[in-house]
Amino acid sequence: MIFNRRIIAAAALSMTVTGCTATDPNMGNSVRQTMAAQIVNPDPDYQGQPQTTAGTQAATAVERYRTGTVKKPDRVRTTTGTSGAGSSGSPQ
């Protein structure tokens, strides 16, 4: 009798545990989509002509780096005007 109760209890427990398993076929799509967004295309399709580099320019850049005479990059302005909090509508 005790053996039958154990079998029945084990069967009932196994049915409740299997009710918790994921049966949704879309389970994990967010993880797969995030991984795909972070992976670089191994065979990119560039529009137009492929970019080319000059070996002499690269060699001189490496030499300047090794000797410590690197050219400073041009300053790039990303905004124009003045900074401030708010505007009164009148020109400055």
Protein backbone atom coordinates (compact mmCIF):
# COMPACT_ATOMS: atom_id res chain seq x y z
CA MET A 1 0.00 0.00 0.00
CA ILE A 2 2.79 2.41 0.88
CA PHE A 3 4.49 1.55 -2.40
CA ASN A 4 1.34 2.42 -4.39
CA ARG A 5 1.01 5.76 -2.59
CA ARG A 6 4.62 6.61 -3.48
CA ILE A 7 3.99 5.78 -7.13
CA ILE A 8 0.83 7.89 -7.19
CA ALA A 9 2.61 10.78 -5.44
CA ALA A 10 5.53 10.57 -7.87
CA ALA A 11 3.17 10.51 -10.85
CA ALA A 12 1.23 13.53 -9.54
CA LEU A 13 4.47 15.40 -8.85
CA SER A 14 5.83 14.66 -12.32
CA MET A 15 2.62 15.97 -13.92
CA THR A 16 2.82 19.23 -11.99
CA VAL A 17 6.49 19.70 -12.84
CA THR A 18 5.89 19.16 -16.55
CA GLY A 19 3.19 21.83 -16.41
CA CYS A 20 5.93 24.39 -15.68
CA THR A 21 8.00 23.70 -18.79
CA ALA A 22 7.98 26.24 -21.57
CA THR A 23 5.96 25.13 -24.57
CA ASP A 24 5.95 28.50 -26.34
CA PRO A 25 7.88 28.17 -29.65
CA ASN A 26 8.87 31.87 -29.46
CA MET A 27 10.62 31.40 -26.13
CA GLY A 28 14.10 32.98 -26.33
CA ASN A 29 13.45 35.15 -29.40
CA SER A 30 14.54 38.30 -27.57
CA VAL A 31 17.92 36.73 -26.76
CA ARG A 32 18.41 35.56 -30.36
CA GLN A 33 17.43 38.97 -31.73
CA THR A 34 19.83 40.76 -29.39
CA MET A 35 22.66 38.42 -30.37
CA ALA A 36 21.93 38.95 -34.07
CA ALA A 37 22.00 42.73 -33.59
CA GLN A 38 25.48 42.53 -32.06
CA ILE A 39 27.06 40.27 -34.68
CA VAL A 40 28.86 41.96 -37.56
CA ASN A 41 27.91 40.82 -41.05
CA PRO A 42 30.83 38.61 -42.17
CA ASP A 43 30.10 39.31 -45.86
CA PRO A 44 29.00 42.96 -46.09
CA ASP A 45 27.58 44.34 -49.33
CA TYR A 46 29.08 47.77 -49.99
CA GLN A 47 27.35 50.14 -52.39
CA GLY A 48 29.60 51.57 -55.11
CA GLN A 49 33.36 51.21 -55.15
CA PRO A 50 35.14 49.42 -52.32
CA GLN A 51 37.30 51.59 -50.12
CA THR A 52 40.99 51.56 -50.90
CA THR A 53 43.98 52.56 -48.82
CA ALA A 54 47.42 53.77 -49.76
CA GLY A 55 50.23 51.67 -48.35
CA THR A 56 52.62 54.61 -48.21
CA GLN A 57 50.19 56.68 -46.12
CA ALA A 58 49.69 53.79 -43.72
CA ALA A 59 53.44 53.22 -43.45
CA THR A 60 54.16 56.87 -42.67
CA ALA A 61 51.35 56.92 -40.10
CA VAL A 62 52.84 53.88 -38.36
CA GLU A 63 56.28 55.47 -38.44
CA ARG A 64 54.92 58.70 -36.91
CA TYR A 65 53.25 56.63 -34.19
CA ARG A 66 56.47 54.79 -33.40
CA THR A 67 58.53 57.98 -33.23
CA GLY A 68 55.95 59.91 -31.19
CA THR A 69 55.26 62.55 -33.85
CA VAL A 70 51.62 61.78 -34.47
CA LYS A 71 49.66 64.51 -36.26
CA LYS A 72 46.88 66.02 -34.23
CA PRO A 73 43.49 65.47 -35.88
CA ASP A 74 41.53 68.41 -37.25
CA ARG A 75 39.00 69.80 -34.82
CA VAL A 76 35.49 68.82 -35.76
CA ARG A 77 32.64 71.05 -34.62
CA THR A 78 29.46 69.17 -33.95
CA THR A 79 27.35 72.14 -32.84
CA THR A 80 27.08 75.80 -33.66
CA GLY A 81 25.97 78.76 -31.60
CA THR A 82 26.17 79.33 -27.91
CA SER A 83 25.15 77.18 -25.04
CA GLY A 84 22.76 78.25 -22.35
CA ALA A 85 19.59 77.43 -20.57
CA GLY A 86 16.53 78.52 -22.48
CA SER A 87 15.88 81.39 -24.82
CA SER A 88 14.02 84.65 -24.39
CA GLY A 89 13.22 84.88 -28.09
CA SER A 90 15.43 87.92 -28.67
CA PRO A 91 18.62 87.70 -30.75
CA GLN A 92 21.89 87.79 -28.88
